[in-house]
N, C-alpha and C. Protein backbone atom coordinates (compact mmCIF):
# COMPACT_ATOMS: atom_id res chain seq x y z
N UNK A 1 0.73 -0.97 0.15
CA UNK A 1 -0.33 0.06 -0.06
C UNK A 1 0.87 1.26 -0.23
N UNK A 2 0.45 2.17 -0.74
CA UNK A 2 1.53 3.62 -0.87
C UNK A 2 1.47 4.16 0.46
N UNK A 3 2.48 4.77 0.62
CA UNK A 3 2.41 5.74 1.97
C UNK A 3 1.46 7.01 1.74
N UNK A 4 1.01 7.37 2.72
CA UNK A 4 0.04 8.93 2.34
C UNK A 4 1.45 9.73 2.45
N UNK A 5 0.91 10.89 2.10
CA UNK A 5 1.90 12.29 2.06
C UNK A 5 2.38 12.47 3.44
N UNK A 6 1.18 12.50 4.14
CA UNK A 6 1.97 12.71 5.86
C UNK A 6 3.02 12.02 6.18
N UNK A 7 2.59 10.50 5.86
CA UNK A 7 3.87 9.56 6.37
C UNK A 7 4.90 10.13 5.44
N UNK A 8 5.02 10.06 4.43
CA UNK A 8 6.60 10.53 3.79
C UNK A 8 7.11 12.07 4.15
N UNK A 9 6.16 12.79 4.49
CA UNK A 9 6.75 14.09 5.11
C UNK A 9 7.26 13.84 6.40
N UNK A 10 6.61 12.81 7.31
CA UNK A 10 6.96 12.60 8.60
C UNK A 10 8.14 11.98 8.66
N UNK A 11 8.37 11.31 7.66
CA UNK A 11 9.85 10.41 7.65
C UNK A 11 10.77 11.26 7.24
N UNK A 12 10.76 11.81 6.02
CA UNK A 12 11.53 12.88 5.71
C UNK A 12 12.17 14.14 6.74
N UNK A 13 11.01 14.60 7.75
CA UNK A 13 11.34 15.35 8.38
C UNK A 13 12.41 14.49 9.86
N UNK A 14 11.81 13.38 9.90
CA UNK A 14 12.74 12.79 11.01
C UNK A 14 14.17 12.27 10.45
N UNK A 15 14.24 12.27 9.39
CA UNK A 15 15.98 11.97 8.77
C UNK A 15 16.50 13.24 8.57
N UNK A 16 15.81 14.58 8.66
CA UNK A 16 16.62 15.52 8.47
C UNK A 16 17.01 15.79 10.16
N UNK A 17 15.98 15.81 11.12
CA UNK A 17 16.23 15.96 12.53
C UNK A 17 17.26 14.75 12.69
N UNK A 18 17.09 13.45 12.35
CA UNK A 18 18.37 12.41 12.56
C UNK A 18 20.21 13.13 12.11
N UNK A 19 19.77 14.11 11.09
CA UNK A 19 21.21 15.00 11.05
C UNK A 19 21.51 15.76 11.68
N UNK A 20 20.84 16.44 12.80
CA UNK A 20 21.04 17.12 13.49
C UNK A 20 20.48 18.75 12.97
N UNK A 21 19.03 18.70 12.12
CA UNK A 21 18.87 19.61 11.61
C UNK A 21 17.45 19.86 12.37
N UNK A 22 16.52 21.27 12.22
CA UNK A 22 15.50 21.47 12.78
C UNK A 22 14.80 22.41 12.12
N UNK A 23 13.27 22.01 12.21
CA UNK A 23 13.03 23.22 11.26
C UNK A 23 12.86 24.47 11.90
N UNK A 24 12.49 25.60 10.89
CA UNK A 24 12.22 26.91 11.33
C UNK A 24 11.52 27.49 10.61
N UNK A 25 10.49 28.43 10.76
CA UNK A 25 9.79 29.81 10.17
C UNK A 25 10.69 30.75 10.04
N UNK A 26 10.58 31.50 9.04
CA UNK A 26 11.11 32.92 8.71
C UNK A 26 10.36 33.61 7.65
N UNK A 27 9.94 34.92 8.04
CA UNK A 27 9.25 35.43 7.61
C UNK A 27 10.25 36.72 6.85
N UNK A 28 10.00 36.61 5.43
CA UNK A 28 10.84 37.74 4.39
C UNK A 28 9.80 38.74 3.92
N UNK A 29 10.30 39.85 3.54
CA UNK A 29 9.63 40.75 3.00
C UNK A 29 8.94 40.08 1.50
N UNK A 30 8.04 40.38 1.19
CA UNK A 30 7.27 39.79 -0.19
C UNK A 30 7.41 40.71 -1.47
N UNK A 31 8.93 40.75 -2.20
CA UNK A 31 9.26 41.20 -3.03
C UNK A 31 8.62 41.43 -3.87
N UNK A 32 7.40 40.64 -4.28
CA UNK A 32 6.24 41.22 -5.35
C UNK A 32 5.49 42.02 -5.19
N UNK A 33 5.45 42.53 -3.87
CA UNK A 33 4.51 43.54 -3.66
C UNK A 33 4.70 45.34 -4.08
N UNK A 34 3.85 45.70 -4.17
CA UNK A 34 3.78 47.09 -4.72
C UNK A 34 4.74 47.92 -3.74
N UNK A 35 3.91 47.69 -2.65
CA UNK A 35 4.96 48.49 -1.28
C UNK A 35 6.24 48.34 -1.40
N UNK A 36 6.57 47.05 -1.64
CA UNK A 36 8.18 46.85 -1.13
C UNK A 36 8.85 47.47 -2.68
N UNK A 37 8.46 47.38 -3.83
CA UNK A 37 8.88 47.82 -5.31
C UNK A 37 9.11 49.43 -4.74
N UNK A 38 8.09 49.91 -4.43
CA UNK A 38 8.30 51.40 -4.39
C UNK A 38 9.24 51.69 -3.48
N UNK A 39 9.13 51.04 -1.96
CA UNK A 39 10.19 51.39 -1.48
C UNK A 39 11.63 51.10 -1.73
N UNK A 40 11.80 50.17 -2.26
CA UNK A 40 13.15 49.59 -3.25
C UNK A 40 13.64 50.80 -4.36
N UNK A 41 12.43 51.21 -5.01
CA UNK A 41 12.87 52.36 -6.01
C UNK A 41 13.42 53.55 -5.10
N UNK A 42 12.67 53.95 -4.28
CA UNK A 42 12.53 55.43 -3.20
C UNK A 42 14.30 55.22 -2.74
N UNK A 43 14.96 53.86 -2.27
CA UNK A 43 15.91 53.75 -1.74
C UNK A 43 16.92 53.96 -3.00
N UNK A 44 16.53 53.39 -3.79
CA UNK A 44 17.78 53.38 -5.22
C UNK A 44 17.88 54.86 -5.53
N UNK A 45 16.62 55.63 -5.55
CA UNK A 45 16.71 57.19 -6.21
C UNK A 45 17.70 57.65 -4.98
N UNK A 46 17.49 57.36 -3.86
CA UNK A 46 18.19 58.09 -2.87
C UNK A 46 19.67 58.06 -2.88
N UNK A 47 19.98 56.83 -2.96
CA UNK A 47 21.80 56.38 -3.19
C UNK A 47 22.07 57.33 -4.79
N UNK A 48 21.05 57.07 -5.45
CA UNK A 48 21.85 57.82 -6.71
C UNK A 48 22.29 59.12 -6.71
N UNK A 49 21.22 59.76 -5.99
CA UNK A 49 21.28 61.38 -5.86
C UNK A 49 22.22 61.65 -4.61
N UNK A 50 22.71 60.96 -3.98
CA UNK A 50 23.43 61.20 -2.60
C UNK A 50 24.89 61.87 -3.53
N UNK A 51 25.45 62.82 -2.71
CA UNK A 51 26.64 63.55 -3.33
C UNK A 51 28.10 62.04 -3.06
N UNK A 52 27.93 61.39 -2.78
CA UNK A 52 28.97 60.36 -2.36
C UNK A 52 28.70 58.78 -3.03
N UNK A 53 27.72 59.29 -3.90
CA UNK A 53 27.13 58.07 -4.39
C UNK A 53 28.37 56.92 -4.97
N UNK A 54 29.23 57.34 -5.43
CA UNK A 54 30.44 56.48 -5.77
C UNK A 54 31.46 55.81 -4.50
N UNK A 55 31.32 56.53 -3.45
CA UNK A 55 31.86 56.01 -2.24
C UNK A 55 30.59 54.83 -1.82
N UNK A 56 29.51 55.36 -2.03
CA UNK A 56 28.67 54.25 -1.42
C UNK A 56 28.53 53.00 -2.30
N UNK A 57 28.47 53.07 -3.65
CA UNK A 57 28.66 52.03 -4.40
C UNK A 57 29.96 51.15 -4.27
N UNK A 58 30.60 51.78 -3.99
CA UNK A 58 32.29 51.14 -3.60
C UNK A 58 32.27 50.12 -2.11
N UNK A 59 31.28 51.05 -1.74
CA UNK A 59 30.81 50.55 -0.35
C UNK A 59 30.08 49.06 -0.38
N UNK A 60 29.21 49.16 -1.15
CA UNK A 60 28.07 48.08 -1.19
C UNK A 60 28.75 46.83 -2.20
N UNK A 61 29.62 47.09 -3.45
CA UNK A 61 30.23 46.32 -4.09
C UNK A 61 31.12 45.89 -3.15
N UNK A 62 31.65 46.37 -1.99
CA UNK A 62 32.75 45.70 -1.33
C UNK A 62 32.39 44.60 -0.55
N UNK A 63 30.92 45.03 -0.17
CA UNK A 63 30.19 43.98 0.99
C UNK A 63 29.31 43.12 0.40
N UNK A 64 29.11 43.14 -0.91
CA UNK A 64 27.93 42.20 -1.54
C UNK A 64 28.37 40.70 -1.68
N UNK A 65 29.86 40.58 -1.51
CA UNK A 65 30.40 39.15 -1.10
C UNK A 65 30.68 38.79 -0.03
N UNK A 66 30.44 39.44 1.19
CA UNK A 66 31.02 39.43 2.52
C UNK A 66 30.72 37.70 3.09
N UNK A 67 31.80 37.25 3.50
CA UNK A 67 31.74 35.79 4.07
C UNK A 67 32.10 34.98 2.84
N UNK A 68 32.32 35.13 1.59
CA UNK A 68 32.44 34.47 0.58
C UNK A 68 34.14 34.12 0.77
N UNK A 69 34.79 34.42 1.48
CA UNK A 69 36.41 34.36 1.12
C UNK A 69 36.93 33.20 2.25
N UNK A 70 36.36 32.30 2.21
CA UNK A 70 36.32 30.94 3.04
C UNK A 70 37.70 29.98 2.62
């Protein structure tokens, strides 16, 4: 008899827990939201209009790969 979806999910989660993992729930901004998009535009325009735009962009480029030097 084929296993139910519930049983397969329970088995999969048990395997992950056996590997030392645990489930967590993370809430993140909805990047599809018109409100999010407008705020992203607003912040981008503010950076572009800043007098020290080159310095800001250099900083952002420096940190974009933060932690990748392993």
